[in-house]
């Protein structure tokens, strides 16, 4: 966040417990947004679901 304050900012105080970061979507290009969404999704789904997803990329 500190390295790219034009893209990222801290969430509201009530959301800090979730370890979230806010992003200015207009400042992100498609590949960067895709990586961020995929990484957030990966942390929320069971490992076997992510493993199956990785197989589709090969």
C-alpha atoms as a PDB file:
ATOM      1  CA  UNK A   1       0.000   0.000   0.000  1.00  0.00           C
ATOM      2  CA  UNK A   2       2.711   2.455   0.903  1.00  0.00           C
ATOM      3  CA  UNK A   3       4.545   1.722  -2.339  1.00  0.00           C
ATOM      4  CA  UNK A   4       1.465   2.424  -4.485  1.00  0.00           C
ATOM      5  CA  UNK A   5      -0.832   4.835  -2.622  1.00  0.00           C
ATOM      6  CA  UNK A   6      -2.489   5.803  -5.916  1.00  0.00           C
ATOM      7  CA  UNK A   7      -3.816   2.221  -6.149  1.00  0.00           C
ATOM      8  CA  UNK A   8      -4.288   1.006  -2.581  1.00  0.00           C
ATOM      9  CA  UNK A   9      -5.584   2.400   0.690  1.00  0.00           C
ATOM     10  CA  UNK A  10      -6.504   1.166   4.129  1.00  0.00           C
ATOM     11  CA  UNK A  11     -10.080   0.011   4.672  1.00  0.00           C
ATOM     12  CA  UNK A  12     -12.401   1.536   7.217  1.00  0.00           C
ATOM     13  CA  UNK A  13     -11.612   0.751  10.841  1.00  0.00           C
ATOM     14  CA  UNK A  14     -14.460  -1.772  11.077  1.00  0.00           C
ATOM     15  CA  UNK A  15     -12.927  -3.812   8.225  1.00  0.00           C
ATOM     16  CA  UNK A  16      -9.376  -3.913   9.616  1.00  0.00           C
ATOM     17  CA  UNK A  17     -10.105  -7.171  11.443  1.00  0.00           C
ATOM     18  CA  UNK A  18     -10.447  -8.940   8.081  1.00  0.00           C
ATOM     19  CA  UNK A  19      -6.981  -7.837   6.882  1.00  0.00           C
ATOM     20  CA  UNK A  20      -8.536  -6.307   3.786  1.00  0.00           C
ATOM     21  CA  UNK A  21      -7.088  -3.576   1.619  1.00  0.00           C
ATOM     22  CA  UNK A  22      -9.084  -1.279  -0.608  1.00  0.00           C
ATOM     23  CA  UNK A  23      -8.068  -0.797  -4.222  1.00  0.00           C
ATOM     24  CA  UNK A  24      -8.916   1.966  -6.628  1.00  0.00           C
ATOM     25  CA  UNK A  25     -10.183  -0.145  -9.501  1.00  0.00           C
ATOM     26  CA  UNK A  26      -9.598   2.544 -12.125  1.00  0.00           C
ATOM     27  CA  UNK A  27      -5.893   2.458 -11.240  1.00  0.00           C
ATOM     28  CA  UNK A  28      -5.546  -1.298 -11.837  1.00  0.00           C
ATOM     29  CA  UNK A  29      -5.069  -2.932 -15.205  1.00  0.00           C
ATOM     30  CA  UNK A  30      -6.840  -6.183 -16.069  1.00  0.00           C
ATOM     31  CA  UNK A  31      -3.950  -8.609 -15.386  1.00  0.00           C
ATOM     32  CA  UNK A  32      -3.276  -7.009 -11.993  1.00  0.00           C
ATOM     33  CA  UNK A  33      -6.970  -7.104 -11.070  1.00  0.00           C
ATOM     34  CA  UNK A  34      -7.213 -10.742 -12.189  1.00  0.00           C
ATOM     35  CA  UNK A  35      -4.216 -11.701 -10.032  1.00  0.00           C
ATOM     36  CA  UNK A  36      -5.663  -9.917  -6.998  1.00  0.00           C
ATOM     37  CA  UNK A  37      -9.119 -11.469  -7.345  1.00  0.00           C
ATOM     38  CA  UNK A  38      -7.670 -14.934  -7.948  1.00  0.00           C
ATOM     39  CA  UNK A  39      -5.398 -14.644  -4.921  1.00  0.00           C
ATOM     40  CA  UNK A  40      -8.270 -13.496  -2.682  1.00  0.00           C
ATOM     41  CA  UNK A  41     -10.420 -16.343  -3.980  1.00  0.00           C
ATOM     42  CA  UNK A  42      -7.582 -18.840  -3.411  1.00  0.00           C
ATOM     43  CA  UNK A  43      -7.409 -17.859   0.248  1.00  0.00           C
ATOM     44  CA  UNK A  44     -11.164 -18.438   0.672  1.00  0.00           C
ATOM     45  CA  UNK A  45     -11.716 -21.774  -1.081  1.00  0.00           C
ATOM     46  CA  UNK A  46     -10.644 -25.276  -0.007  1.00  0.00           C
ATOM     47  CA  UNK A  47      -7.184 -26.282  -1.221  1.00  0.00           C
ATOM     48  CA  UNK A  48      -8.611 -29.030  -3.443  1.00  0.00           C
ATOM     49  CA  UNK A  49     -10.783 -26.479  -5.273  1.00  0.00           C
ATOM     50  CA  UNK A  50      -7.770 -24.291  -5.997  1.00  0.00           C
ATOM     51  CA  UNK A  51      -5.746 -27.348  -7.049  1.00  0.00           C
ATOM     52  CA  UNK A  52      -8.484 -28.277  -9.536  1.00  0.00           C
ATOM     53  CA  UNK A  53      -8.453 -24.708 -10.865  1.00  0.00           C
ATOM     54  CA  UNK A  54      -4.689 -24.882 -11.410  1.00  0.00           C
ATOM     55  CA  UNK A  55      -5.142 -28.022 -13.501  1.00  0.00           C
ATOM     56  CA  UNK A  56      -7.435 -26.103 -15.860  1.00  0.00           C
ATOM     57  CA  UNK A  57      -4.618 -23.639 -16.541  1.00  0.00           C
ATOM     58  CA  UNK A  58      -2.240 -26.283 -17.852  1.00  0.00           C
END
